[in-house]
Protein backbone atom coordinates (compact mmCIF):
# COMPACT_ATOMS: atom_id res chain seq x y z
CA MET A 1 24.20 40.27 -5.80
CA THR A 2 22.65 36.90 -6.63
CA LYS A 3 18.96 37.15 -7.49
CA ILE A 4 16.59 34.95 -5.48
CA GLY A 5 13.02 34.25 -6.52
CA LEU A 6 10.54 32.07 -8.42
CA GLU A 7 11.10 31.46 -12.12
CA PHE A 8 9.63 28.94 -14.55
CA LEU A 9 11.80 27.23 -17.14
CA GLU A 10 11.88 28.83 -20.59
CA ASN A 11 9.69 27.13 -23.18
CA THR A 12 11.79 27.65 -26.26
CA GLY A 13 10.04 24.85 -28.13
CA GLY A 14 6.56 26.19 -27.45
CA ASP A 15 5.42 22.91 -25.86
CA SER A 16 1.91 22.79 -24.42
CA GLU A 17 1.97 21.29 -20.92
CA GLY A 18 -1.16 20.70 -18.87
CA LEU A 19 -1.79 20.38 -15.17
CA SER A 20 -2.01 16.61 -14.97
CA GLU A 21 1.15 14.94 -13.73
CA SER A 22 1.10 11.16 -13.37
CA GLY A 23 3.42 11.23 -10.39
CA ILE A 24 1.05 13.61 -8.56
CA GLU A 25 -2.22 12.02 -9.67
CA PHE A 26 -0.84 8.75 -8.34
CA PHE A 27 -1.28 10.04 -4.77
CA LYS A 28 -4.35 12.28 -5.09
CA ASP A 29 -6.86 9.81 -3.65
CA ARG A 30 -5.31 9.64 -0.16
CA PRO A 31 -2.61 12.31 0.00
CA PHE A 32 -2.09 12.35 3.79
CA ALA A 33 -1.69 8.59 3.95
CA ALA A 34 0.62 8.74 0.91
CA VAL A 35 2.81 11.42 2.47
CA ALA A 36 3.09 9.42 5.70
CA ARG A 37 4.12 6.28 3.82
CA GLU A 38 6.47 7.79 1.24
CA MET A 39 8.23 10.27 3.51
CA GLY A 40 8.59 7.60 6.20
CA GLN A 41 10.23 5.25 3.73
CA ASN A 42 12.69 7.85 2.42
CA SER A 43 13.73 8.85 5.94
CA ARG A 44 14.14 5.21 6.97
CA ASP A 45 16.62 4.78 4.11
CA ALA A 46 18.75 7.73 5.32
CA ARG A 47 19.17 6.44 8.90
CA LEU A 48 22.33 7.79 10.51
CA ASP A 49 22.88 5.96 13.84
CA ALA A 50 21.79 2.32 13.72
CA ASP A 51 21.45 2.27 17.51
CA LYS A 52 18.78 5.00 17.51
CA PRO A 53 15.41 5.17 15.77
CA VAL A 54 14.70 7.54 12.90
CA ARG A 55 12.24 10.16 14.19
CA ILE A 56 9.79 11.87 11.83
CA THR A 57 7.51 14.77 12.73
CA PHE A 58 4.44 16.13 10.95
CA ASP A 59 3.36 19.66 11.90
CA VAL A 60 1.13 22.37 10.41
CA LEU A 61 2.60 25.88 10.20
CA SER A 62 0.77 29.15 9.56
CA ILE A 63 3.07 31.57 7.74
CA LYS A 64 2.15 35.21 7.27
CA ALA A 65 1.85 35.95 3.57
CA SER A 66 4.27 38.85 4.02
CA GLU A 67 6.89 36.40 5.34
CA PHE A 68 6.41 33.84 2.60
CA PRO A 69 9.29 34.02 0.07
CA SER A 70 8.43 35.60 -3.31
CA ILE A 71 4.69 35.57 -2.55
CA GLU A 72 3.94 38.16 -5.24
CA GLU A 73 5.68 36.06 -7.88
CA PHE A 74 3.62 33.01 -6.89
CA ARG A 75 0.42 35.08 -7.07
CA ALA A 76 1.35 36.48 -10.50
CA ALA A 77 2.10 33.02 -11.89
CA ALA A 78 -1.18 31.59 -10.60
CA THR A 79 -3.10 34.53 -12.10
CA VAL A 80 -1.65 34.20 -15.62
CA CYS A 81 -2.25 30.43 -15.52
CA LEU A 82 -5.87 31.05 -14.53
CA GLU A 83 -6.29 33.42 -17.48
CA LYS A 84 -5.03 30.70 -19.82
CA ALA A 85 -7.17 28.02 -18.17
CA ASP A 86 -10.34 30.18 -18.22
CA ARG A 87 -11.85 28.27 -21.11
CA PRO A 88 -14.94 26.00 -21.21
CA ARG A 89 -12.92 22.90 -22.14
CA ASN A 90 -10.50 23.30 -19.23
CA GLU A 91 -12.79 23.06 -16.22
CA LYS A 92 -10.26 21.06 -14.18
CA GLU A 93 -7.43 23.56 -14.70
CA LYS A 94 -9.77 26.50 -14.27
CA GLY A 95 -11.00 25.18 -10.92
CA PHE A 96 -7.47 24.43 -9.76
CA PHE A 97 -6.13 27.92 -10.47
CA GLN A 98 -9.22 29.68 -9.13
CA HIS A 99 -8.56 27.96 -5.81
CA ALA A 100 -4.79 28.56 -6.09
CA VAL A 101 -5.34 32.31 -6.50
CA GLN A 102 -7.71 32.28 -3.53
CA VAL A 103 -5.34 30.51 -1.10
CA LEU A 104 -2.35 32.60 -2.21
CA ASP A 105 -4.33 35.84 -1.63
CA ALA A 106 -5.05 34.84 1.99
CA SER A 107 -3.28 36.67 4.81
CA GLU A 108 -1.71 33.40 6.00
CA ILE A 109 -0.29 30.43 4.13
CA THR A 110 -0.87 26.95 5.60
CA VAL A 111 2.14 24.64 5.35
CA LEU A 112 2.60 20.99 6.31
CA LYS A 113 6.15 20.46 7.56
CA ILE A 114 7.67 16.96 7.50
CA ALA A 115 11.04 16.76 9.26
CA ASP A 116 13.28 13.79 10.01
CA TYR A 117 15.97 13.31 12.64
CA ASN A 118 18.82 10.82 13.05
CA THR A 119 19.23 10.85 9.26
CA LYS A 120 22.13 11.78 7.01
CA GLY A 121 20.19 14.49 5.23
CA ALA A 122 19.92 14.84 1.47
CA THR A 123 23.60 15.26 0.73
CA GLY A 124 24.78 17.67 -1.93
CA PRO A 125 25.96 19.52 -3.81
CA CYS A 126 23.02 19.92 -6.17
CA GLU A 127 24.54 17.87 -8.97
CA GLU A 128 23.19 14.94 -10.92
CA GLY A 129 23.54 11.70 -8.99
CA ARG A 130 23.60 13.39 -5.57
CA PRO A 131 20.65 12.84 -3.16
CA PHE A 132 19.59 16.51 -2.98
CA HIS A 133 19.51 16.81 -6.75
CA THR A 134 17.43 13.62 -6.90
CA LEU A 135 15.02 14.99 -4.30
CA ALA A 136 14.51 18.43 -5.83
CA LYS A 137 15.35 18.19 -9.53
CA THR A 138 15.11 14.57 -10.71
CA GLU A 139 12.02 12.77 -12.01
CA GLY A 140 11.44 9.01 -12.26
CA SER A 141 14.70 7.87 -10.66
CA SER A 142 16.18 7.40 -7.22
CA THR A 143 19.62 7.70 -5.62
CA LYS A 144 20.10 5.46 -2.59
CA GLU A 145 23.34 4.34 -0.93
CA ASP A 146 21.83 1.08 0.34
CA ILE A 147 21.15 -1.35 -2.52
CA SER A 148 18.13 -2.80 -0.69
CA SER A 149 16.68 0.56 0.40
CA GLY A 150 12.95 1.22 0.28
CA GLY A 151 12.70 3.65 -2.64
CA SER A 152 12.94 2.32 -6.16
CA PHE A 153 11.14 4.70 -8.51
CA GLY A 154 11.82 8.16 -7.15
CA ILE A 155 8.14 9.13 -7.41
CA GLY A 156 7.39 9.05 -3.67
CA LYS A 157 8.42 12.70 -3.28
CA ASN A 158 5.46 13.64 -5.49
CA ALA A 159 3.10 12.84 -2.61
CA VAL A 160 3.85 16.26 -1.07
CA PHE A 161 2.78 17.95 -4.33
CA ALA A 162 -0.50 16.01 -4.25
CA LEU A 163 -1.09 17.42 -0.76
CA SER A 164 -0.47 21.01 -1.93
CA ASP A 165 -3.32 23.11 -3.34
CA ILE A 166 -0.75 24.91 -5.51
CA HIS A 167 1.43 21.88 -6.41
CA THR A 168 4.38 23.43 -4.60
CA ALA A 169 6.95 21.99 -2.20
CA PHE A 170 10.09 23.35 -0.55
CA PHE A 171 13.10 21.21 0.40
CA SER A 172 15.60 22.07 3.12
CA THR A 173 18.48 19.93 4.34
CA GLN A 174 21.58 20.02 6.54
CA TYR A 175 24.33 17.48 5.87
CA LYS A 176 28.04 16.90 6.42
CA ASP A 177 30.56 16.56 3.63
CA GLU A 178 33.49 14.12 3.51
CA ASN A 179 35.50 16.42 5.76
CA GLY A 180 32.77 16.64 8.41
CA SER A 181 31.78 20.25 7.58
CA ASP A 182 28.12 21.24 7.80
CA HIS A 183 26.28 22.41 4.68
CA PHE A 184 22.81 23.78 4.02
CA LEU A 185 20.67 23.58 0.90
CA CYS A 186 17.16 24.95 0.33
CA MET A 187 14.96 25.39 -2.75
CA GLY A 188 11.35 25.18 -3.90
CA LYS A 189 9.61 23.55 -6.85
CA THR A 190 6.24 24.37 -8.45
CA LEU A 191 4.25 22.50 -11.12
CA PHE A 192 1.61 24.63 -12.92
CA ILE A 193 0.90 24.66 -16.69
CA SER A 194 2.83 26.10 -19.64
CA HIS A 195 2.06 29.81 -19.94
CA ARG A 196 3.26 33.27 -20.96
CA ASP A 197 4.62 35.37 -18.12
CA LYS A 198 3.78 39.06 -17.70
CA ALA A 199 6.65 39.96 -20.02
CA GLY A 200 5.12 37.77 -22.74
CA LYS A 201 7.86 35.12 -22.58
CA GLN A 202 6.87 31.46 -23.04
CA ARG A 203 7.34 29.42 -19.86
CA ARG A 204 7.09 25.72 -19.10
CA ARG A 205 4.96 24.24 -16.35
CA LYS A 206 7.91 23.65 -13.99
CA GLY A 207 9.30 26.44 -11.88
CA TYR A 208 11.97 26.67 -9.16
CA TRP A 209 12.40 28.98 -6.21
CA GLY A 210 16.01 29.71 -5.26
CA ARG A 211 18.93 31.26 -7.06
CA LEU A 212 17.65 32.32 -10.47
CA GLN A 213 20.99 31.75 -12.17
CA GLY A 214 21.00 28.07 -13.10
CA TYR A 215 17.90 27.36 -10.97
CA MET A 216 20.06 26.41 -8.00
CA PRO A 217 19.31 26.07 -4.25
CA LEU A 218 20.32 28.54 -1.57
CA ASP A 219 23.35 27.43 0.44
CA ASN A 220 23.76 30.37 2.80
CA PRO A 221 21.75 29.93 6.05
CA LYS A 222 21.32 33.71 6.29
CA GLU A 223 19.34 33.70 3.03
CA ILE A 224 17.05 30.84 4.07
CA PRO A 225 13.74 31.82 5.75
CA ALA A 226 13.83 30.99 9.47
CA TRP A 227 10.87 28.59 9.29
CA MET A 228 12.75 26.44 6.75
CA LEU A 229 16.17 26.49 8.40
CA ARG A 230 17.32 23.30 10.16
CA GLU A 231 19.40 23.19 13.32
CA THR A 232 20.49 19.55 13.06
CA ARG A 233 21.34 17.07 10.32
CA GLY A 234 18.41 15.81 8.34
CA THR A 235 15.83 16.88 5.78
CA SER A 236 12.63 18.93 6.01
CA ILE A 237 9.98 18.97 3.30
CA PHE A 238 7.19 21.57 3.18
CA SER A 239 3.88 21.11 1.35
CA ILE A 240 2.70 24.66 0.61
CA CYS A 241 -1.00 25.61 0.92
CA MET A 242 -1.84 22.27 2.50
CA ARG A 243 -5.01 20.65 1.27
CA HIS A 244 -7.83 20.39 3.82
CA ASN A 245 -9.86 17.19 4.15
CA LYS A 246 -13.13 16.50 5.93
CA THR A 247 -11.37 13.87 8.01
CA ASP A 248 -8.87 14.68 10.74
CA TRP A 249 -5.52 14.67 8.95
CA ARG A 250 -3.65 13.78 12.15
CA TYR A 251 -5.37 10.45 12.69
CA GLU A 252 -5.45 9.67 8.97
CA MET A 253 -1.66 9.92 9.00
CA ALA A 254 -1.41 7.96 12.24
CA ALA A 255 -3.47 5.11 10.76
CA ALA A 256 -1.29 5.02 7.62
CA ILE A 257 1.91 5.04 9.71
CA ILE A 258 0.73 2.10 11.81
CA MET A 259 -0.43 0.03 8.82
CA ASN A 260 2.84 0.51 6.96
CA PHE A 261 5.55 0.74 9.64
CA PHE A 262 4.30 -1.33 12.60
CA CYS A 263 7.30 -3.65 12.17
CA ALA A 264 9.93 -0.88 12.12
CA ILE A 265 8.21 0.82 15.07
CA GLU A 266 8.11 -2.39 17.12
CA GLN A 267 11.77 -3.02 16.38
CA ARG A 268 12.70 0.51 17.53
CA GLU A 269 13.89 1.52 14.07
CA MET A 270 11.34 4.33 13.65
CA GLU A 271 9.13 6.62 15.72
CA PHE A 272 6.70 9.36 14.75
CA GLU A 273 5.22 12.55 16.21
CA ILE A 274 2.18 14.32 14.80
CA ASP A 275 0.88 17.83 15.52
CA LYS A 276 3.69 19.05 17.80
CA GLY A 277 3.82 15.75 19.63
CA SER A 278 0.12 15.50 20.53
CA ILE A 279 0.21 12.06 18.89
CA LYS A 280 3.29 9.93 19.51
CA ILE A 281 3.76 6.59 17.81
CA ASN A 282 6.61 4.48 19.12
CA ARG A 283 7.19 1.05 20.56
CA ASN A 284 5.73 2.07 23.92
CA THR A 285 2.49 3.47 22.45
CA LEU A 286 1.96 1.17 19.48
CA GLN A 287 -0.33 -1.37 21.15
CA SER A 288 -2.61 1.31 22.57
CA MET A 289 -2.67 3.05 19.17
CA LEU A 290 -3.94 -0.16 17.58
CA ARG A 291 -7.03 0.21 19.80
CA ASP A 292 -7.37 4.01 19.79
CA ALA A 293 -10.97 5.05 18.98
CA LYS A 294 -9.97 8.08 16.88
CA ILE A 295 -7.53 6.05 14.83
CA LEU A 296 -10.17 3.36 14.31
CA GLU A 297 -12.58 6.06 13.11
CA ALA A 298 -9.95 7.30 10.64
CA VAL A 299 -9.46 3.73 9.44
CA LYS A 300 -13.19 3.53 8.81
CA GLN A 301 -13.14 6.82 6.88
CA LEU A 302 -10.24 5.52 4.79
CA ASN A 303 -12.17 2.30 4.12
CA ALA A 304 -9.11 0.45 5.40
CA SER A 305 -10.55 -1.85 8.06
CA GLU A 306 -9.12 -5.00 6.47
CA PRO A 307 -5.51 -3.77 6.06
CA PHE A 308 -5.60 -2.35 9.59
CA GLU A 309 -6.73 -5.75 10.89
CA VAL A 310 -3.86 -7.33 8.97
CA ALA A 311 -1.44 -4.96 10.71
CA LYS A 312 -2.86 -5.96 14.11
CA ASN A 313 -2.53 -9.67 13.35
CA LEU A 314 1.01 -9.35 12.03
CA HIS A 315 2.00 -7.20 14.99
CA ALA A 316 0.79 -10.01 17.25
CA CYS A 317 3.13 -12.34 15.36
CA LEU A 318 6.01 -9.95 16.06
CA ILE A 319 5.54 -9.72 19.81
CA ASP A 320 4.15 -13.12 20.89
CA GLU A 321 6.71 -15.39 22.56
CA LYS A 322 4.97 -18.41 21.00
CA THR A 323 5.84 -17.26 17.47
CA ILE A 324 7.81 -19.93 15.60
CA ILE A 325 10.73 -18.50 13.58
CA SER A 326 12.58 -20.39 10.85
CA GLU A 327 14.56 -19.68 7.69
CA LEU A 328 13.99 -20.97 4.17
CA ASP A 329 16.93 -21.40 1.83
CA VAL A 330 15.63 -20.71 -1.69
CA PRO A 331 17.85 -21.48 -4.72
CA GLU A 332 18.76 -18.36 -6.75
CA LEU A 333 17.25 -16.13 -4.06
CA GLY A 334 18.84 -16.82 -0.68
CA LYS A 335 17.53 -16.93 2.87
CA VAL A 336 14.02 -15.80 3.77
CA ARG A 337 12.75 -15.66 7.34
CA VAL A 338 9.28 -17.02 8.12
CA SER A 339 7.66 -16.21 11.48
CA VAL A 340 4.39 -17.97 12.28
CA LEU A 341 2.00 -17.52 15.20
CA LEU A 342 -0.79 -20.07 15.70
CA ARG A 343 -3.73 -18.55 17.55
CA ASP A 344 -7.50 -18.30 17.16
CA GLY A 345 -8.81 -15.15 15.54
CA LEU A 346 -5.80 -14.41 13.32
CA ASN A 347 -7.70 -15.22 10.11
CA TYR A 348 -4.89 -16.81 8.09
CA THR A 349 -2.95 -13.54 7.77
CA VAL A 350 0.21 -13.44 5.64
CA GLY A 351 2.43 -10.36 5.32
CA ILE A 352 5.61 -9.71 3.33
CA ILE A 353 7.84 -7.08 4.96
CA ARG A 354 11.01 -5.40 3.71
CA ASN A 355 13.09 -2.80 5.56
CA GLY A 356 10.50 -2.71 8.31
CA MET A 357 7.69 -1.73 5.92
CA TYR A 358 4.67 -3.85 5.03
CA ILE A 359 4.56 -4.61 1.29
CA THR A 360 1.86 -7.17 0.42
CA LYS A 361 -0.08 -10.21 1.57
CA SER A 362 0.23 -12.19 -1.65
CA LEU A 363 2.55 -13.84 -4.14
CA SER A 364 -0.23 -14.09 -6.71
CA HIS A 365 2.15 -13.47 -9.63
CA PHE A 366 3.97 -16.62 -8.54
CA ASN A 367 0.89 -18.90 -8.35
CA GLU A 368 0.31 -18.38 -4.62
CA PRO A 369 -2.29 -15.83 -3.49
CA PHE A 370 -2.35 -17.28 0.05
CA LYS A 371 -6.13 -17.45 0.09
CA ASN A 372 -7.33 -20.99 0.79
CA PHE A 373 -6.28 -22.78 3.96
CA PRO A 374 -8.64 -25.75 4.47
CA LEU A 375 -8.25 -27.58 7.77
CA TYR A 376 -5.60 -25.10 8.94
CA ARG A 377 -5.48 -23.54 12.36
CA ASP A 378 -5.76 -19.75 12.45
CA PHE A 379 -2.34 -18.14 12.04
CA SER A 380 -0.46 -14.98 11.15
CA ALA A 381 2.83 -15.21 9.27
CA ILE A 382 5.54 -12.68 8.43
CA ILE A 383 7.87 -13.26 5.49
CA GLU A 384 10.98 -11.09 5.13
CA PRO A 385 14.35 -11.29 3.37
CA VAL A 386 17.26 -12.02 5.71
CA GLY A 387 20.13 -10.13 4.07
CA LYS A 388 20.77 -7.24 1.68
CA GLY A 389 21.13 -9.53 -1.34
CA GLU A 390 17.73 -11.09 -0.72
CA GLY A 391 16.30 -7.64 -0.01
CA GLU A 392 17.53 -6.46 -3.40
CA TRP A 393 15.54 -9.22 -5.07
CA PHE A 394 12.36 -8.16 -3.28
CA LYS A 395 13.06 -4.56 -4.24
CA ARG A 396 13.45 -5.43 -7.92
CA LEU A 397 9.99 -6.96 -7.96
CA GLU A 398 8.12 -4.19 -6.11
CA GLY A 399 5.63 -1.97 -7.89
CA PRO A 400 5.69 1.85 -7.62
CA ARG A 401 3.19 1.71 -4.76
CA HIS A 402 5.38 -0.83 -2.94
CA ASP A 403 2.31 -3.04 -2.50
CA ASP A 404 2.90 -5.88 -4.97
CA LEU A 405 5.63 -8.18 -6.30
CA SER A 406 6.04 -9.23 -9.94
CA ALA A 407 9.03 -10.43 -11.97
CA GLU A 408 7.57 -8.72 -15.04
CA ARG A 409 9.00 -5.44 -13.75
CA ILE A 410 12.54 -6.65 -14.46
CA SER A 411 13.77 -5.55 -17.88
CA ASP A 412 16.61 -8.07 -18.27
CA PRO A 413 15.02 -11.30 -19.67
CA ALA A 414 17.49 -13.64 -17.95
CA LEU A 415 17.13 -11.88 -14.62
CA ARG A 416 13.34 -11.80 -15.04
CA GLU A 417 13.25 -15.56 -15.62
CA GLN A 418 15.47 -16.14 -12.61
CA GLY A 419 13.24 -13.98 -10.43
CA GLN A 420 10.10 -15.76 -11.57
CA ARG A 421 11.64 -19.15 -10.91
CA ALA A 422 13.07 -18.19 -7.51
CA PHE A 423 9.87 -16.65 -6.18
CA GLU A 424 7.74 -19.56 -7.39
CA ARG A 425 10.04 -21.78 -5.32
CA LEU A 426 9.71 -19.40 -2.40
CA ALA A 427 5.92 -19.49 -2.64
CA LYS A 428 5.89 -23.31 -2.57
CA GLN A 429 8.27 -23.42 0.40
CA ILE A 430 6.15 -20.93 2.34
CA ARG A 431 3.01 -22.95 1.66
CA ALA A 432 4.79 -26.14 2.77
CA ARG A 433 6.02 -24.44 5.93
CA LEU A 434 2.54 -23.15 6.80
CA LYS A 435 1.05 -26.57 6.13
CA GLY A 436 3.60 -28.26 8.38
CA LEU A 437 2.79 -25.92 11.25
CA ALA A 438 -0.90 -25.10 10.91
CA ARG A 439 -2.57 -27.94 8.99
CA THR A 440 -4.76 -30.15 11.18
CA GLU A 441 -5.89 -33.71 10.45
CA ALA A 442 -9.61 -34.41 10.23
CA LYS A 443 -10.78 -36.50 13.18
CA SER A 444 -12.85 -38.81 10.97
CA LYS A 445 -14.15 -41.29 13.56
CA ILE A 446 -15.23 -38.61 16.02
CA GLU A 447 -16.86 -36.53 13.29
CA LEU A 448 -18.76 -39.54 11.86
CA ASP A 449 -19.95 -40.58 15.31
CA GLU A 450 -21.31 -37.06 15.86
CA LEU A 451 -22.95 -36.92 12.43
CA SER A 452 -24.67 -40.27 13.01
CA ASP A 453 -26.88 -38.60 15.61
CA PHE A 454 -28.30 -36.39 12.87
CA PHE A 455 -28.51 -38.71 9.87
CA ALA A 456 -29.21 -42.19 11.28
CA SER A 457 -32.72 -43.68 10.80
CA ASP A 458 -34.99 -44.32 13.76
CA GLN A 459 -34.39 -48.07 13.35
CA THR A 460 -30.62 -47.57 13.39
CA ARG A 461 -30.82 -45.36 16.49
CA GLN A 462 -32.87 -48.05 18.28
CA GLU A 463 -30.42 -50.75 17.28
CA ASP A 464 -27.46 -48.64 18.32
CA ASP A 465 -29.09 -47.92 21.65
CA ALA A 466 -29.59 -51.66 22.08
CA ALA A 467 -25.94 -52.27 21.20
CA THR A 468 -26.89 -54.38 18.19
CA GLU A 469 -25.21 -54.42 14.80
CA THR A 470 -27.21 -53.79 11.65
CA ASP A 471 -26.57 -55.93 8.59
CA PRO A 472 -26.24 -53.55 5.62
CA LYS A 473 -27.63 -56.26 3.27
CA ALA A 474 -30.84 -56.36 5.28
CA LEU A 475 -31.54 -52.67 4.76
CA LYS A 476 -33.96 -51.90 1.96
CA PRO A 477 -34.29 -48.44 0.48
CA THR A 478 -37.70 -46.78 0.76
CA PRO A 479 -39.16 -46.17 -2.68
CA VAL A 480 -39.59 -42.52 -3.60
CA MET A 481 -42.56 -41.40 -5.67
CA LYS A 482 -41.32 -39.16 -8.45
CA SER A 483 -43.40 -37.44 -11.09
CA PRO A 484 -42.08 -37.29 -14.65
CA PRO A 485 -39.98 -34.21 -15.31
CA LYS A 486 -41.65 -31.40 -17.18
CA LYS A 487 -40.17 -30.41 -20.47
CA LYS A 488 -38.83 -26.91 -20.79
CA THR A 489 -38.22 -24.75 -23.80
CA VAL A 490 -34.87 -23.14 -24.36
CA ALA A 491 -36.40 -19.71 -23.94
CA ALA A 492 -38.10 -20.70 -20.71
CA ALA A 493 -34.90 -22.12 -19.25
CA LYS A 494 -33.04 -18.98 -20.21
CA SER A 495 -35.69 -16.80 -18.63
CA GLU A 496 -35.48 -18.71 -15.38
CA ASP A 497 -31.69 -18.31 -15.37
CA GLU A 498 -32.12 -14.59 -15.80
CA ASP A 499 -34.82 -14.48 -13.10
CA GLN A 500 -37.40 -13.24 -15.63
CA PRO A 501 -40.76 -14.68 -16.76
CA PRO A 502 -40.39 -17.18 -19.63
CA VAL A 503 -41.23 -15.93 -23.09
CA ASP A 504 -42.64 -18.37 -25.62
CA GLY A 505 -41.98 -17.80 -29.25
CA PRO A 506 -41.52 -19.57 -32.56
CA GLY A 507 -38.57 -21.87 -32.80
CA ASP A 508 -38.47 -22.88 -29.08
CA GLN A 509 -37.05 -26.37 -28.74
CA PRO A 510 -37.74 -28.76 -25.85
CA ILE A 511 -34.79 -29.69 -23.63
CA SER A 512 -34.47 -32.49 -21.13
CA GLU A 513 -33.29 -32.36 -17.55
CA LYS A 514 -30.32 -34.45 -16.52
CA PRO A 515 -27.86 -34.27 -13.62
CA GLY A 516 -25.29 -32.41 -15.72
CA ASP A 517 -27.82 -29.63 -16.41
CA ILE A 518 -28.34 -28.83 -12.74
CA PRO A 519 -25.82 -26.56 -10.99
CA GLY A 520 -23.71 -28.61 -8.63
CA PHE A 521 -23.78 -31.80 -10.69
CA GLY A 522 -21.62 -32.95 -13.57
CA GLU A 523 -18.54 -31.10 -14.80
CA GLY A 524 -17.96 -27.41 -15.36
CA HIS A 525 -20.44 -26.06 -12.81
CA GLY A 526 -18.03 -25.20 -9.98
CA ASP A 527 -16.89 -21.71 -9.18
CA GLY A 528 -13.23 -22.61 -9.62
CA GLU A 529 -12.20 -21.62 -6.09
CA GLY A 530 -12.55 -24.84 -4.12
CA ASP A 531 -11.11 -25.72 -0.77
CA GLY A 532 -8.24 -27.84 -2.02
CA ASP A 533 -4.61 -27.64 -1.07
CA ARG A 534 -1.60 -27.42 -3.34
CA ASP A 535 -0.37 -30.83 -2.21
CA ASN A 536 -3.10 -32.82 -4.00
CA ASP A 537 -4.70 -33.90 -0.75
CA PRO A 538 -8.22 -35.28 -1.04
CA LYS A 539 -10.78 -32.52 -0.97
CA PRO A 540 -12.25 -32.34 2.55
CA LYS A 541 -15.94 -33.03 3.02
CA GLY A 542 -16.31 -30.04 5.30
CA ARG A 543 -14.40 -27.45 7.28
CA PRO A 544 -13.92 -27.34 11.01
CA GLU A 545 -15.86 -24.60 12.69
CA HIS A 546 -12.79 -22.39 13.10
CA ALA A 547 -12.01 -22.31 9.35
CA ARG A 548 -12.56 -18.88 7.82
CA SER A 549 -11.70 -17.11 4.60
CA SER A 550 -8.36 -15.37 4.53
CA CYS A 551 -8.21 -11.69 5.33
CA ARG A 552 -7.76 -9.55 2.24
CA ALA A 553 -5.88 -6.28 2.52
CA SER A 554 -3.77 -3.72 0.61
CA ALA A 555 -1.23 -1.14 1.77
CA ILE A 556 -2.16 2.53 2.03
C-alpha cells in the first residue's frame, strides 16, 4: 500500500535554511489583496470557454482537526522547529512557530479556499514543464500556453503561503487529458526551517504532503479528502490556518479585485464571489461596488484611495459612449489601442492594461511619467496592446508585481535595446494623441481683458470707461523709495535658510543681495518640475481653473 503523509526533503548536505522566503515576504504586507490579484491572474490565463467568464470564489472553511490530513505530522514538525528556533537570536522564527503550534493544536483548522471555474485546470501529470508541476513543485518559473498570458515569474502562487500562519498550501485540480479523460491531482506543500525530525534525521525546510515515494500528488479521488475534491474542471488552492486581520478580509479582497480586474469584469471575462456568494462582483454589480461604503472603508484601511480613484476613472472610460478609440502603429512594437474620455473630474488619469488587468499608470522608464498636462482638459485614457505579439512585449517588460514596465528586465541586449526604443516611441505617440484630443488653447484676449480689471490703474480705468486710448509714452512710472540693502554675513544667511537664529563668529564674510540670490530669480532656483509640455510650447503664464495635478496610483 502506498504511504500517504507529510515528509520534508532530506538534508544530506546539512544546509541551514531559515524561515524567510523572498517569494513569501514579497506578499506579506497585504496578503488578502495579493491572493486576490495573483490567483485571479492565474485563473484568467487558464480560461476554457471564451464565450463565458472565468468565475473565481473565495470561501473560508472550518475543518475539524481530526479530519485534517496528517495533522499529527504537521504538529510534530512545528514542535521540533520551535525547539530549534527557541533561541534569543531567533525571535522571528520563535514567534512564528509558537503561533504555528497554537493554531495546529486547535480543535478546528481555518482554511481559505480559492476555486476557479470555466478553466482548464492545472494539467498533469506531475512532471517538469507541466502546469501542475509548475504550480506545486516549481520555483521562480512559469508554464503558460498563451505567450501573452498574465504570469511571468511564477512567484504569484506564493501569495497563498503568505496568507497561511503555517506557510502551508494544498493544491487540487481536475483536468482532461488529450483523449478527453478526467484526471485528479492533489498535494500539499509546507515551508518551515531546516531541522532534525524525531528520528534524528536532517530535514530541509520544504516538505510535501501526498505520496511519500517520490513526493508525488494523489491521483485517486477516493484518497483525496472530501473538502479538497473537485466536481468539475478547474483548480482549487487552500491556504491552511488562514491569517486573521483586523480589517474585514472579504471587502479587502473585493477592493483589490475591483482595482485590478475592473476591465476584465466589465468585458464579461471574469466574475468573482466572496464568502459563499454574499459578495458578487460582475458586470451587473461593478458600478454599485465602486460606491459601496464597506468597500470604500476597506480602501481607506488599505491606504489605497488614489489607485481606487484611478480604477473608477478608467472604468468610466470603458463604459462612456463618448470615449474616443484609436490605434497607434508603433515601429518594432505593433498596434496599441488608446481610448480617451474627456470629462471634468477625471484628473488626467492614464492606465496601461494587459489581459484585462491594470498594470501601471506610467511609462517613466521611457521618459514619460504622464504627470504634467498644462492647459489640458480633464481626461482618462486606457492604453492596451491589440494583439498577442504586442501583449508579449508588454509582458517582457513587466516587473514581478505586474505594476511597472522597464526594458532593463530583458536579458538579451539586442532585444532590450529594441524594447527601449519601441516604448519610447510609444510614449511619444501617446503624449501626442492626448495633446491632440485634450489640449486647449489659451484664450489670450479674453483672459487679458479680465485681468485688466484687477491690474489697471485708476487713471486707466477712468480712461477705459470714457472710451479713450492711453498713450503709453505719456505714462510715467511712480518713483519707489527704497532703502539700501543690509549686508548679511554668510553665517546669518545660512541660519535664515535653516530657519534658525543667526550665529556670528570669526571669519564671517559680508555678502551682497542680487536678483540671482533670491529664490525665484536667476538660474538654478526652480524645482525642476515645471508646467511645460514635451512639444517645446511656450511655458504658459497660468493654468485654467480646471487644471489639476495628475492622479498618482499603484496596483495592489
